[in-house]
């Protein structure tokens, strides 16, 4: 199998909101490999194979944007190094290669989406396709490893918090704005510690993170600005967390919540999971399930689509966003073969 698609797509550096060159390349590749392909209104790369009016749709939703930071693209010891090789052009190219090589069963069409802006909070590409399609089955393109299926992702919430007070002499007993910010963070930590008590699985725990804290003064007014993010289990909605942490805020402070995503946890007992387990086993692998503590476009489409959804793709997700991001080309080839087997084994609808 040729690695040309993967290598050339990784060569086209495409951080969020700068994906056009990579999108153009992928659309041209799909057009030359049997797809009806185009760029949609959101800027996504879109390709389709199979019956135009097929009653069933397999939607393979990957993302074409990457985390910022260029890495020299090269192959060394059977590994492709480059930004996006793992997260998640490896998965997107797996989708395109497998669908191009597969014989699409009667009654099905396969749609490939290379979505834009997944790595930034807008998720522009996924929100656009969420409102256009109602697929029968959906696979999200994210690194799970060739022998594993991702069933769920945690939810997310980001909170910006600020407090302002008249400037006062440091000898005064009133707490500084920095101390007020620290108290807010400590209250969050105490609350999450209580809520996580006895909860063993990481996926089911609340995970707060202090992203930033800064103080400033113009010598008349002092301010503290904080950004806190939360990774949320399914038992907490973003609205729940906003209500709880608002109670920790100082009077007349400002609290703004944004980038809210609900957790998503899929079912193990459906045609999609059974089909992928079988496809993995045909490659001599022992399949397993994984739950992710981050977020993905699964959170976006899972909030609306009622079809079975999983995530799948080659690569070690611990390399996401790292300076050493690389993908084993043997794993990539095995993932393509696995997914092709799954597509060709789709039930007749």
C-alpha atoms as a PDB file:
ATOM      1  CA  UNK A   1       0.000   0.000   0.000  1.00  0.00           C
ATOM      2  CA  UNK A   2       1.269   3.490  -0.845  1.00  0.00           C
ATOM      3  CA  UNK A   3       1.791   6.014   1.950  1.00  0.00           C
ATOM      4  CA  UNK A   4       1.643   8.928  -0.485  1.00  0.00           C
ATOM      5  CA  UNK A   5      -1.713  10.325   0.657  1.00  0.00           C
ATOM      6  CA  UNK A   6      -0.705  10.325   4.312  1.00  0.00           C
ATOM      7  CA  UNK A   7       2.753  11.806   3.747  1.00  0.00           C
ATOM      8  CA  UNK A   8       1.549  14.512   1.382  1.00  0.00           C
ATOM      9  CA  UNK A   9      -1.350  15.516   3.605  1.00  0.00           C
ATOM     10  CA  UNK A  10       0.952  15.767   6.625  1.00  0.00           C
ATOM     11  CA  UNK A  11       3.362  17.875   4.527  1.00  0.00           C
ATOM     12  CA  UNK A  12       0.586  20.444   4.107  1.00  0.00           C
ATOM     13  CA  UNK A  13       0.771  22.214   7.446  1.00  0.00           C
ATOM     14  CA  UNK A  14      -2.796  23.056   8.448  1.00  0.00           C
ATOM     15  CA  UNK A  15      -3.310  24.535  11.915  1.00  0.00           C
ATOM     16  CA  UNK A  16      -6.872  25.566  12.714  1.00  0.00           C
ATOM     17  CA  UNK A  17      -8.258  28.234  10.366  1.00  0.00           C
ATOM     18  CA  UNK A  18      -5.404  27.655   7.894  1.00  0.00           C
ATOM     19  CA  UNK A  19      -6.564  24.371   6.388  1.00  0.00           C
ATOM     20  CA  UNK A  20      -7.303  25.438   2.787  1.00  0.00           C
ATOM     21  CA  UNK A  21      -4.195  23.934   1.145  1.00  0.00           C
ATOM     22  CA  UNK A  22      -4.665  20.575   2.864  1.00  0.00           C
ATOM     23  CA  UNK A  23      -8.391  20.578   2.064  1.00  0.00           C
ATOM     24  CA  UNK A  24      -7.665  21.267  -1.612  1.00  0.00           C
ATOM     25  CA  UNK A  25      -5.174  18.406  -1.771  1.00  0.00           C
ATOM     26  CA  UNK A  26      -7.514  15.898  -0.123  1.00  0.00           C
ATOM     27  CA  UNK A  27     -10.455  16.867  -2.361  1.00  0.00           C
ATOM     28  CA  UNK A  28      -8.281  16.432  -5.450  1.00  0.00           C
ATOM     29  CA  UNK A  29      -7.053  13.059  -4.178  1.00  0.00           C
ATOM     30  CA  UNK A  30     -10.588  11.842  -3.491  1.00  0.00           C
ATOM     31  CA  UNK A  31     -11.782  13.048  -6.904  1.00  0.00           C
ATOM     32  CA  UNK A  32      -9.018  11.001  -8.513  1.00  0.00           C
ATOM     33  CA  UNK A  33      -9.919   7.892  -6.487  1.00  0.00           C
ATOM     34  CA  UNK A  34     -13.588   7.382  -7.237  1.00  0.00           C
ATOM     35  CA  UNK A  35     -15.261   9.903  -4.934  1.00  0.00           C
ATOM     36  CA  UNK A  36     -17.658  12.709  -5.664  1.00  0.00           C
ATOM     37  CA  UNK A  37     -15.641  15.325  -3.810  1.00  0.00           C
ATOM     38  CA  UNK A  38     -15.891  19.024  -3.021  1.00  0.00           C
ATOM     39  CA  UNK A  39     -15.268  21.722  -0.416  1.00  0.00           C
ATOM     40  CA  UNK A  40     -18.414  22.590   1.557  1.00  0.00           C
ATOM     41  CA  UNK A  41     -19.556  25.967   2.865  1.00  0.00           C
ATOM     42  CA  UNK A  42     -17.634  25.551   6.136  1.00  0.00           C
ATOM     43  CA  UNK A  43     -14.397  24.738   4.310  1.00  0.00           C
ATOM     44  CA  UNK A  44     -14.520  20.999   5.014  1.00  0.00           C
ATOM     45  CA  UNK A  45     -13.164  18.448   2.560  1.00  0.00           C
ATOM     46  CA  UNK A  46     -16.067  16.170   1.585  1.00  0.00           C
ATOM     47  CA  UNK A  47     -16.095  12.965  -0.441  1.00  0.00           C
ATOM     48  CA  UNK A  48     -18.789  10.389  -1.188  1.00  0.00           C
ATOM     49  CA  UNK A  49     -18.824   6.879  -2.657  1.00  0.00           C
ATOM     50  CA  UNK A  50     -21.721   4.463  -3.139  1.00  0.00           C
ATOM     51  CA  UNK A  51     -25.340   4.789  -4.191  1.00  0.00           C
ATOM     52  CA  UNK A  52     -26.478   8.413  -4.305  1.00  0.00           C
ATOM     53  CA  UNK A  53     -29.881   7.590  -2.820  1.00  0.00           C
ATOM     54  CA  UNK A  54     -28.744   4.706  -0.623  1.00  0.00           C
ATOM     55  CA  UNK A  55     -30.972   4.137   2.413  1.00  0.00           C
ATOM     56  CA  UNK A  56     -27.943   3.792   4.714  1.00  0.00           C
ATOM     57  CA  UNK A  57     -24.995   6.122   5.295  1.00  0.00           C
ATOM     58  CA  UNK A  58     -21.671   5.448   6.977  1.00  0.00           C
ATOM     59  CA  UNK A  59     -20.210   8.851   7.872  1.00  0.00           C
ATOM     60  CA  UNK A  60     -16.479   8.912   8.541  1.00  0.00           C
ATOM     61  CA  UNK A  61     -15.806  12.210  10.298  1.00  0.00           C
ATOM     62  CA  UNK A  62     -12.143  13.120  10.646  1.00  0.00           C
ATOM     63  CA  UNK A  63     -10.480  16.496  11.093  1.00  0.00           C
ATOM     64  CA  UNK A  64      -7.930  18.051   8.798  1.00  0.00           C
ATOM     65  CA  UNK A  65      -6.671  20.813  11.073  1.00  0.00           C
ATOM     66  CA  UNK A  66      -3.798  20.266  13.477  1.00  0.00           C
ATOM     67  CA  UNK A  67      -2.417  21.640  16.682  1.00  0.00           C
ATOM     68  CA  UNK A  68       0.000  24.517  15.958  1.00  0.00           C
ATOM     69  CA  UNK A  69       3.729  23.972  15.600  1.00  0.00           C
ATOM     70  CA  UNK A  70       5.504  22.644  12.519  1.00  0.00           C
ATOM     71  CA  UNK A  71       7.549  19.468  12.788  1.00  0.00           C
ATOM     72  CA  UNK A  72       9.908  18.581   9.904  1.00  0.00           C
ATOM     73  CA  UNK A  73       8.131  15.863   7.923  1.00  0.00           C
ATOM     74  CA  UNK A  74      10.260  12.771   7.416  1.00  0.00           C
ATOM     75  CA  UNK A  75      10.157   8.979   7.615  1.00  0.00           C
ATOM     76  CA  UNK A  76      12.560   7.329  10.031  1.00  0.00           C
ATOM     77  CA  UNK A  77      12.640   3.660  11.075  1.00  0.00           C
ATOM     78  CA  UNK A  78       9.185   3.078   9.628  1.00  0.00           C
ATOM     79  CA  UNK A  79       7.589   6.051  11.405  1.00  0.00           C
ATOM     80  CA  UNK A  80       6.213   9.198   9.798  1.00  0.00           C
ATOM     81  CA  UNK A  81       7.138  12.284  11.808  1.00  0.00           C
ATOM     82  CA  UNK A  82       5.122  15.466  11.355  1.00  0.00           C
ATOM     83  CA  UNK A  83       2.412  17.599  12.883  1.00  0.00           C
ATOM     84  CA  UNK A  84      -0.919  15.827  12.442  1.00  0.00           C
ATOM     85  CA  UNK A  85       0.529  12.391  11.700  1.00  0.00           C
ATOM     86  CA  UNK A  86      -1.269  11.067  14.778  1.00  0.00           C
ATOM     87  CA  UNK A  87      -3.774  13.845  15.541  1.00  0.00           C
ATOM     88  CA  UNK A  88      -5.477  13.216  13.290  1.00  0.00           C
ATOM     89  CA  UNK A  89      -4.468  13.069   9.632  1.00  0.00           C
ATOM     90  CA  UNK A  90      -3.498   9.441  10.132  1.00  0.00           C
ATOM     91  CA  UNK A  91      -7.126   8.632  10.957  1.00  0.00           C
ATOM     92  CA  UNK A  92      -8.510  10.831   8.166  1.00  0.00           C
ATOM     93  CA  UNK A  93      -6.255   9.224   5.574  1.00  0.00           C
ATOM     94  CA  UNK A  94      -7.230   5.796   6.903  1.00  0.00           C
ATOM     95  CA  UNK A  95     -10.837   6.728   6.153  1.00  0.00           C
ATOM     96  CA  UNK A  96     -10.060   7.933   2.642  1.00  0.00           C
ATOM     97  CA  UNK A  97      -7.795   5.015   1.701  1.00  0.00           C
ATOM     98  CA  UNK A  98     -10.152   2.363   3.098  1.00  0.00           C
ATOM     99  CA  UNK A  99     -13.246   3.845   1.436  1.00  0.00           C
ATOM    100  CA  UNK A 100     -11.395   4.263  -1.880  1.00  0.00           C
ATOM    101  CA  UNK A 101     -10.297   0.616  -1.896  1.00  0.00           C
ATOM    102  CA  UNK A 102     -13.511  -0.927  -0.574  1.00  0.00           C
ATOM    103  CA  UNK A 103     -16.369  -2.366  -2.581  1.00  0.00           C
ATOM    104  CA  UNK A 104     -19.283  -0.414  -1.128  1.00  0.00           C
ATOM    105  CA  UNK A 105     -22.170  -2.805  -0.323  1.00  0.00           C
ATOM    106  CA  UNK A 106     -25.582  -2.347  -1.920  1.00  0.00           C
ATOM    107  CA  UNK A 107     -27.813   0.000   0.037  1.00  0.00           C
ATOM    108  CA  UNK A 108     -24.903   2.048   1.439  1.00  0.00           C
ATOM    109  CA  UNK A 109     -22.970   5.179   0.738  1.00  0.00           C
ATOM    110  CA  UNK A 110     -19.837   6.248   2.541  1.00  0.00           C
ATOM    111  CA  UNK A 111     -19.185   9.921   3.249  1.00  0.00           C
ATOM    112  CA  UNK A 112     -15.732  11.205   4.227  1.00  0.00           C
ATOM    113  CA  UNK A 113     -15.469  14.553   6.013  1.00  0.00           C
ATOM    114  CA  UNK A 114     -12.154  16.271   6.691  1.00  0.00           C
ATOM    115  CA  UNK A 115     -13.499  18.808   9.187  1.00  0.00           C
ATOM    116  CA  UNK A 116     -11.919  22.171   9.922  1.00  0.00           C
ATOM    117  CA  UNK A 117     -11.305  23.847  13.289  1.00  0.00           C
ATOM    118  CA  UNK A 118     -11.549  20.770  15.523  1.00  0.00           C
ATOM    119  CA  UNK A 119      -8.411  21.784  17.403  1.00  0.00           C
ATOM    120  CA  UNK A 120      -9.883  25.147  18.384  1.00  0.00           C
ATOM    121  CA  UNK A 121     -12.995  25.586  20.450  1.00  0.00           C
ATOM    122  CA  UNK A 122     -15.256  26.543  17.532  1.00  0.00           C
ATOM    123  CA  UNK A 123     -15.460  23.015  16.000  1.00  0.00           C
ATOM    124  CA  UNK A 124     -16.784  24.846  12.935  1.00  0.00           C
ATOM    125  CA  UNK A 125     -16.602  21.885  10.571  1.00  0.00           C
ATOM    126  CA  UNK A 126     -18.354  19.421  12.857  1.00  0.00           C
ATOM    127  CA  UNK A 127     -21.166  21.811  13.751  1.00  0.00           C
ATOM    128  CA  UNK A 128     -21.771  22.413  10.053  1.00  0.00           C
ATOM    129  CA  UNK A 129     -22.083  18.730   9.121  1.00  0.00           C
ATOM    130  CA  UNK A 130     -24.064  17.949  12.265  1.00  0.00           C
ATOM    131  CA  UNK A 131     -26.951  19.939  10.850  1.00  0.00           C
ATOM    132  CA  UNK A 132     -26.647  18.512   7.313  1.00  0.00           C
ATOM    133  CA  UNK A 133     -26.585  14.766   7.878  1.00  0.00           C
ATOM    134  CA  UNK A 134     -28.431  12.071   9.781  1.00  0.00           C
ATOM    135  CA  UNK A 135     -26.201   9.016   9.274  1.00  0.00           C
ATOM    136  CA  UNK A 136     -26.920   5.386  10.003  1.00  0.00           C
ATOM    137  CA  UNK A 137     -23.469   4.864  11.526  1.00  0.00           C
ATOM    138  CA  UNK A 138     -20.618   7.252  12.340  1.00  0.00           C
ATOM    139  CA  UNK A 139     -16.912   6.777  13.031  1.00  0.00           C
ATOM    140  CA  UNK A 140     -14.868   9.709  14.338  1.00  0.00           C
ATOM    141  CA  UNK A 141     -11.263   9.878  13.162  1.00  0.00           C
ATOM    142  CA  UNK A 142      -9.075  10.021  16.277  1.00  0.00           C
ATOM    143  CA  UNK A 143      -6.136   7.851  17.364  1.00  0.00           C
ATOM    144  CA  UNK A 144      -7.336   4.876  19.347  1.00  0.00           C
ATOM    145  CA  UNK A 145      -4.681   2.385  18.236  1.00  0.00           C
ATOM    146  CA  UNK A 146      -5.316  -0.167  15.522  1.00  0.00           C
ATOM    147  CA  UNK A 147      -6.757  -2.721  17.955  1.00  0.00           C
ATOM    148  CA  UNK A 148      -8.959  -0.431  20.057  1.00  0.00           C
ATOM    149  CA  UNK A 149     -12.297   1.342  19.745  1.00  0.00           C
ATOM    150  CA  UNK A 150     -13.029   4.606  21.544  1.00  0.00           C
ATOM    151  CA  UNK A 151     -16.524   4.639  23.034  1.00  0.00           C
ATOM    152  CA  UNK A 152     -16.609   8.036  24.702  1.00  0.00           C
ATOM    153  CA  UNK A 153     -15.117  11.401  25.503  1.00  0.00           C
ATOM    154  CA  UNK A 154     -15.497  13.591  28.554  1.00  0.00           C
ATOM    155  CA  UNK A 155     -17.352  16.880  28.402  1.00  0.00           C
ATOM    156  CA  UNK A 156     -15.726  20.284  28.682  1.00  0.00           C
ATOM    157  CA  UNK A 157     -16.293  23.727  30.160  1.00  0.00           C
ATOM    158  CA  UNK A 158     -14.055  26.809  30.331  1.00  0.00           C
ATOM    159  CA  UNK A 159     -14.680  29.532  32.917  1.00  0.00           C
ATOM    160  CA  UNK A 160     -13.144  33.014  32.869  1.00  0.00           C
ATOM    161  CA  UNK A 161     -13.254  34.677  36.290  1.00  0.00           C
ATOM    162  CA  UNK A 162     -12.205  38.192  37.302  1.00  0.00           C
ATOM    163  CA  UNK A 163     -12.352  40.252  40.485  1.00  0.00           C
ATOM    164  CA  UNK A 164     -11.610  43.973  40.856  1.00  0.00           C
ATOM    165  CA  UNK A 165     -11.011  45.906  44.088  1.00  0.00           C
ATOM    166  CA  UNK A 166      -9.863  49.457  44.941  1.00  0.00           C
ATOM    167  CA  UNK A 167      -6.122  49.566  45.455  1.00  0.00           C
ATOM    168  CA  UNK A 168      -5.069  49.416  49.112  1.00  0.00           C
ATOM    169  CA  UNK A 169      -1.825  49.541  51.042  1.00  0.00           C
ATOM    170  CA  UNK A 170      -0.206  46.128  51.456  1.00  0.00           C
ATOM    171  CA  UNK A 171      -0.312  46.577  55.240  1.00  0.00           C
ATOM    172  CA  UNK A 172      -4.114  46.575  55.196  1.00  0.00           C
ATOM    173  CA  UNK A 173      -5.863  43.390  56.454  1.00  0.00           C
ATOM    174  CA  UNK A 174      -8.092  42.989  53.388  1.00  0.00           C
ATOM    175  CA  UNK A 175      -7.092  40.083  51.144  1.00  0.00           C
ATOM    176  CA  UNK A 176      -5.419  40.986  47.865  1.00  0.00           C
ATOM    177  CA  UNK A 177      -7.149  40.205  44.589  1.00  0.00           C
ATOM    178  CA  UNK A 178      -4.547  37.488  44.088  1.00  0.00           C
ATOM    179  CA  UNK A 179      -5.621  35.899  47.352  1.00  0.00           C
ATOM    180  CA  UNK A 180      -9.276  36.114  46.273  1.00  0.00           C
ATOM    181  CA  UNK A 181      -8.412  34.335  43.045  1.00  0.00           C
ATOM    182  CA  UNK A 182      -6.516  31.655  44.951  1.00  0.00           C
ATOM    183  CA  UNK A 183      -9.503  31.171  47.268  1.00  0.00           C
ATOM    184  CA  UNK A 184     -11.785  30.662  44.261  1.00  0.00           C
ATOM    185  CA  UNK A 185      -9.435  27.991  42.895  1.00  0.00           C
ATOM    186  CA  UNK A 186      -9.127  26.277  46.281  1.00  0.00           C
ATOM    187  CA  UNK A 187     -12.927  26.148  46.577  1.00  0.00           C
ATOM    188  CA  UNK A 188     -13.076  24.439  43.176  1.00  0.00           C
ATOM    189  CA  UNK A 189     -10.426  21.914  44.226  1.00  0.00           C
ATOM    190  CA  UNK A 190     -12.248  21.136  47.472  1.00  0.00           C
ATOM    191  CA  UNK A 191     -15.547  20.632  45.630  1.00  0.00           C
ATOM    192  CA  UNK A 192     -14.059  18.341  42.990  1.00  0.00           C
ATOM    193  CA  UNK A 193     -12.229  16.341  45.653  1.00  0.00           C
ATOM    194  CA  UNK A 194     -15.551  15.713  47.397  1.00  0.00           C
ATOM    195  CA  UNK A 195     -17.286  14.784  44.165  1.00  0.00           C
ATOM    196  CA  UNK A 196     -14.508  12.442  43.060  1.00  0.00           C
ATOM    197  CA  UNK A 197     -14.293  10.614  46.395  1.00  0.00           C
ATOM    198  CA  UNK A 198     -14.831   6.909  45.773  1.00  0.00           C
ATOM    199  CA  UNK A 199     -14.952   7.345  41.985  1.00  0.00           C
ATOM    200  CA  UNK A 200     -12.205   5.096  40.666  1.00  0.00           C
ATOM    201  CA  UNK A 201     -12.472   5.435  36.906  1.00  0.00           C
ATOM    202  CA  UNK A 202     -10.787   8.561  35.545  1.00  0.00           C
ATOM    203  CA  UNK A 203     -13.514   8.945  32.901  1.00  0.00           C
ATOM    204  CA  UNK A 204     -16.089   9.401  35.684  1.00  0.00           C
ATOM    205  CA  UNK A 205     -14.141  12.050  37.610  1.00  0.00           C
ATOM    206  CA  UNK A 206     -14.298  15.836  37.329  1.00  0.00           C
ATOM    207  CA  UNK A 207     -10.903  17.200  36.305  1.00  0.00           C
ATOM    208  CA  UNK A 208     -10.312  20.949  36.875  1.00  0.00           C
ATOM    209  CA  UNK A 209      -7.260  22.760  35.537  1.00  0.00           C
ATOM    210  CA  UNK A 210      -6.006  26.250  36.337  1.00  0.00           C
ATOM    211  CA  UNK A 211      -5.052  27.431  32.852  1.00  0.00           C
ATOM    212  CA  UNK A 212      -4.028  30.971  33.820  1.00  0.00           C
ATOM    213  CA  UNK A 213      -4.035  33.459  36.700  1.00  0.00           C
ATOM    214  CA  UNK A 214      -2.811  37.040  36.379  1.00  0.00           C
ATOM    215  CA  UNK A 215      -3.029  40.159  38.515  1.00  0.00           C
ATOM    216  CA  UNK A 216      -2.746  43.758  37.360  1.00  0.00           C
ATOM    217  CA  UNK A 217      -3.058  47.244  38.801  1.00  0.00           C
ATOM    218  CA  UNK A 218      -3.261  50.825  37.599  1.00  0.00           C
ATOM    219  CA  UNK A 219      -2.527  51.902  41.206  1.00  0.00           C
ATOM    220  CA  UNK A 220      -6.170  52.841  41.726  1.00  0.00           C
ATOM    221  CA  UNK A 221      -7.776  49.469  41.001  1.00  0.00           C
ATOM    222  CA  UNK A 222      -6.413  45.935  41.334  1.00  0.00           C
ATOM    223  CA  UNK A 223      -7.708  43.018  39.263  1.00  0.00           C
ATOM    224  CA  UNK A 224      -7.215  39.296  39.061  1.00  0.00           C
ATOM    225  CA  UNK A 225      -8.065  37.374  35.901  1.00  0.00           C
ATOM    226  CA  UNK A 226      -8.324  33.581  35.871  1.00  0.00           C
ATOM    227  CA  UNK A 227      -9.187  30.878  33.384  1.00  0.00           C
ATOM    228  CA  UNK A 228     -10.239  27.490  34.699  1.00  0.00           C
ATOM    229  CA  UNK A 229     -11.136  24.517  32.510  1.00  0.00           C
ATOM    230  CA  UNK A 230     -13.091  21.413  33.464  1.00  0.00           C
ATOM    231  CA  UNK A 231     -13.206  17.941  31.937  1.00  0.00           C
ATOM    232  CA  UNK A 232     -16.598  16.581  32.857  1.00  0.00           C
ATOM    233  CA  UNK A 233     -18.088  13.122  33.340  1.00  0.00           C
ATOM    234  CA  UNK A 234     -21.549  12.383  32.010  1.00  0.00           C
ATOM    235  CA  UNK A 235     -23.171  12.906  35.420  1.00  0.00           C
ATOM    236  CA  UNK A 236     -22.392  16.654  35.254  1.00  0.00           C
ATOM    237  CA  UNK A 237     -23.611  18.978  32.527  1.00  0.00           C
ATOM    238  CA  UNK A 238     -21.766  22.231  31.846  1.00  0.00           C
ATOM    239  CA  UNK A 239     -24.775  24.121  33.252  1.00  0.00           C
ATOM    240  CA  UNK A 240     -24.499  22.140  36.487  1.00  0.00           C
ATOM    241  CA  UNK A 241     -20.881  23.189  36.910  1.00  0.00           C
ATOM    242  CA  UNK A 242     -21.569  26.844  36.121  1.00  0.00           C
ATOM    243  CA  UNK A 243     -24.220  26.939  38.841  1.00  0.00           C
ATOM    244  CA  UNK A 244     -21.919  25.287  41.379  1.00  0.00           C
ATOM    245  CA  UNK A 245     -18.774  27.352  40.800  1.00  0.00           C
ATOM    246  CA  UNK A 246     -20.781  30.593  40.634  1.00  0.00           C
ATOM    247  CA  UNK A 247     -21.439  30.081  44.345  1.00  0.00           C
ATOM    248  CA  UNK A 248     -17.672  30.288  44.967  1.00  0.00           C
ATOM    249  CA  UNK A 249     -17.360  33.658  43.236  1.00  0.00           C
ATOM    250  CA  UNK A 250     -16.866  36.936  45.072  1.00  0.00           C
ATOM    251  CA  UNK A 251     -19.736  39.468  45.103  1.00  0.00           C
ATOM    252  CA  UNK A 252     -19.581  41.806  42.079  1.00  0.00           C
ATOM    253  CA  UNK A 253     -17.053  39.574  40.345  1.00  0.00           C
ATOM    254  CA  UNK A 254     -17.378  38.527  36.712  1.00  0.00           C
ATOM    255  CA  UNK A 255     -17.735  34.909  35.629  1.00  0.00           C
ATOM    256  CA  UNK A 256     -18.093  33.889  31.982  1.00  0.00           C
ATOM    257  CA  UNK A 257     -18.538  30.285  30.914  1.00  0.00           C
ATOM    258  CA  UNK A 258     -17.877  29.173  27.340  1.00  0.00           C
ATOM    259  CA  UNK A 259     -16.843  26.280  25.099  1.00  0.00           C
ATOM    260  CA  UNK A 260     -19.287  23.931  26.774  1.00  0.00           C
ATOM    261  CA  UNK A 261     -19.499  20.349  25.516  1.00  0.00           C
ATOM    262  CA  UNK A 262     -21.508  17.497  27.030  1.00  0.00           C
ATOM    263  CA  UNK A 263     -19.787  14.186  27.686  1.00  0.00           C
ATOM    264  CA  UNK A 264     -20.570  11.364  25.266  1.00  0.00           C
ATOM    265  CA  UNK A 265     -20.533   7.648  26.054  1.00  0.00           C
ATOM    266  CA  UNK A 266     -21.640   5.198  23.399  1.00  0.00           C
ATOM    267  CA  UNK A 267     -23.151   1.743  23.679  1.00  0.00           C
ATOM    268  CA  UNK A 268     -21.087  -1.421  23.196  1.00  0.00           C
ATOM    269  CA  UNK A 269     -24.002  -3.475  21.882  1.00  0.00           C
ATOM    270  CA  UNK A 270     -24.775  -2.266  18.366  1.00  0.00           C
ATOM    271  CA  UNK A 271     -23.999  -3.136  14.746  1.00  0.00           C
ATOM    272  CA  UNK A 272     -21.167  -0.612  14.486  1.00  0.00           C
ATOM    273  CA  UNK A 273     -19.242  -1.948  17.465  1.00  0.00           C
ATOM    274  CA  UNK A 274     -19.837  -5.582  16.544  1.00  0.00           C
ATOM    275  CA  UNK A 275     -18.671  -4.943  12.997  1.00  0.00           C
ATOM    276  CA  UNK A 276     -15.502  -3.152  14.082  1.00  0.00           C
ATOM    277  CA  UNK A 277     -14.663  -5.814  16.680  1.00  0.00           C
ATOM    278  CA  UNK A 278     -14.956  -8.451  13.967  1.00  0.00           C
ATOM    279  CA  UNK A 279     -12.828  -6.409  11.550  1.00  0.00           C
ATOM    280  CA  UNK A 280     -10.082  -5.974  14.162  1.00  0.00           C
ATOM    281  CA  UNK A 281     -10.090  -9.707  14.907  1.00  0.00           C
ATOM    282  CA  UNK A 282      -9.647 -10.546  11.208  1.00  0.00           C
ATOM    283  CA  UNK A 283      -6.241  -8.832  11.428  1.00  0.00           C
ATOM    284  CA  UNK A 284      -5.191 -11.163  14.254  1.00  0.00           C
ATOM    285  CA  UNK A 285      -5.662  -8.471  16.903  1.00  0.00           C
ATOM    286  CA  UNK A 286      -7.420  -8.692  20.267  1.00  0.00           C
ATOM    287  CA  UNK A 287      -9.801  -5.718  20.321  1.00  0.00           C
ATOM    288  CA  UNK A 288     -10.341  -3.548  23.372  1.00  0.00           C
ATOM    289  CA  UNK A 289     -12.300  -0.452  24.348  1.00  0.00           C
ATOM    290  CA  UNK A 290     -10.992   2.908  25.489  1.00  0.00           C
ATOM    291  CA  UNK A 291     -12.522   6.044  27.007  1.00  0.00           C
ATOM    292  CA  UNK A 292     -10.847   9.410  26.429  1.00  0.00           C
ATOM    293  CA  UNK A 293     -10.520  12.206  28.961  1.00  0.00           C
ATOM    294  CA  UNK A 294     -10.359  14.946  26.317  1.00  0.00           C
ATOM    295  CA  UNK A 295     -13.000  16.047  23.824  1.00  0.00           C
ATOM    296  CA  UNK A 296     -13.458  15.497  20.105  1.00  0.00           C
ATOM    297  CA  UNK A 297     -16.027  16.044  17.381  1.00  0.00           C
ATOM    298  CA  UNK A 298     -17.817  13.045  18.901  1.00  0.00           C
ATOM    299  CA  UNK A 299     -19.097  15.421  21.597  1.00  0.00           C
ATOM    300  CA  UNK A 300     -20.454  17.775  18.933  1.00  0.00           C
ATOM    301  CA  UNK A 301     -22.327  15.315  16.713  1.00  0.00           C
ATOM    302  CA  UNK A 302     -23.232  12.945  19.557  1.00  0.00           C
ATOM    303  CA  UNK A 303     -25.395  15.682  21.065  1.00  0.00           C
ATOM    304  CA  UNK A 304     -27.704  15.483  18.014  1.00  0.00           C
ATOM    305  CA  UNK A 305     -27.221  12.264  16.073  1.00  0.00           C
ATOM    306  CA  UNK A 306     -28.915   9.212  17.548  1.00  0.00           C
ATOM    307  CA  UNK A 307     -26.949   6.677  15.533  1.00  0.00           C
ATOM    308  CA  UNK A 308     -24.154   4.473  16.917  1.00  0.00           C
ATOM    309  CA  UNK A 309     -20.869   6.435  17.119  1.00  0.00           C
ATOM    310  CA  UNK A 310     -17.315   5.347  17.906  1.00  0.00           C
ATOM    311  CA  UNK A 311     -13.844   6.766  17.272  1.00  0.00           C
ATOM    312  CA  UNK A 312     -11.100   4.820  15.517  1.00  0.00           C
ATOM    313  CA  UNK A 313      -7.708   5.469  14.004  1.00  0.00           C
ATOM    314  CA  UNK A 314      -4.051   4.438  14.141  1.00  0.00           C
ATOM    315  CA  UNK A 315      -1.529   6.041  16.448  1.00  0.00           C
ATOM    316  CA  UNK A 316      -0.595   6.602  20.060  1.00  0.00           C
ATOM    317  CA  UNK A 317      -2.717   9.447  21.421  1.00  0.00           C
ATOM    318  CA  UNK A 318      -0.077  10.247  24.065  1.00  0.00           C
ATOM    319  CA  UNK A 319       1.885  11.785  21.158  1.00  0.00           C
ATOM    320  CA  UNK A 320      -0.902  14.259  20.354  1.00  0.00           C
ATOM    321  CA  UNK A 321       0.347  17.883  20.370  1.00  0.00           C
ATOM    322  CA  UNK A 322       3.904  16.819  21.250  1.00  0.00           C
ATOM    323  CA  UNK A 323       7.160  17.798  19.484  1.00  0.00           C
ATOM    324  CA  UNK A 324       7.759  14.091  18.788  1.00  0.00           C
ATOM    325  CA  UNK A 325       4.442  13.343  17.061  1.00  0.00           C
ATOM    326  CA  UNK A 326       4.874  10.323  14.784  1.00  0.00           C
ATOM    327  CA  UNK A 327       2.882   7.427  13.349  1.00  0.00           C
ATOM    328  CA  UNK A 328       4.087   3.886  12.641  1.00  0.00           C
ATOM    329  CA  UNK A 329       3.400   3.270   8.945  1.00  0.00           C
ATOM    330  CA  UNK A 330       2.748  -0.437   9.596  1.00  0.00           C
ATOM    331  CA  UNK A 331      -0.042   0.559  11.999  1.00  0.00           C
ATOM    332  CA  UNK A 332      -1.468   2.885   9.385  1.00  0.00           C
ATOM    333  CA  UNK A 333      -1.585   0.074   6.805  1.00  0.00           C
ATOM    334  CA  UNK A 334      -3.234  -2.291   9.296  1.00  0.00           C
ATOM    335  CA  UNK A 335      -5.873   0.327  10.167  1.00  0.00           C
ATOM    336  CA  UNK A 336      -6.693   0.813   6.477  1.00  0.00           C
ATOM    337  CA  UNK A 337      -7.123  -2.941   6.013  1.00  0.00           C
ATOM    338  CA  UNK A 338      -9.279  -3.183   9.147  1.00  0.00           C
ATOM    339  CA  UNK A 339     -11.583  -0.374   8.110  1.00  0.00           C
ATOM    340  CA  UNK A 340     -11.854  -1.643   4.534  1.00  0.00           C
ATOM    341  CA  UNK A 341     -12.967  -5.016   5.901  1.00  0.00           C
ATOM    342  CA  UNK A 342     -15.570  -3.278   8.066  1.00  0.00           C
ATOM    343  CA  UNK A 343     -16.962  -1.274   5.143  1.00  0.00           C
ATOM    344  CA  UNK A 344     -17.208  -4.296   2.868  1.00  0.00           C
ATOM    345  CA  UNK A 345     -19.011  -6.219   5.632  1.00  0.00           C
ATOM    346  CA  UNK A 346     -21.717  -3.604   6.202  1.00  0.00           C
ATOM    347  CA  UNK A 347     -25.130  -5.205   6.418  1.00  0.00           C
ATOM    348  CA  UNK A 348     -27.536  -4.781   3.542  1.00  0.00           C
ATOM    349  CA  UNK A 349     -30.249  -2.212   4.286  1.00  0.00           C
END
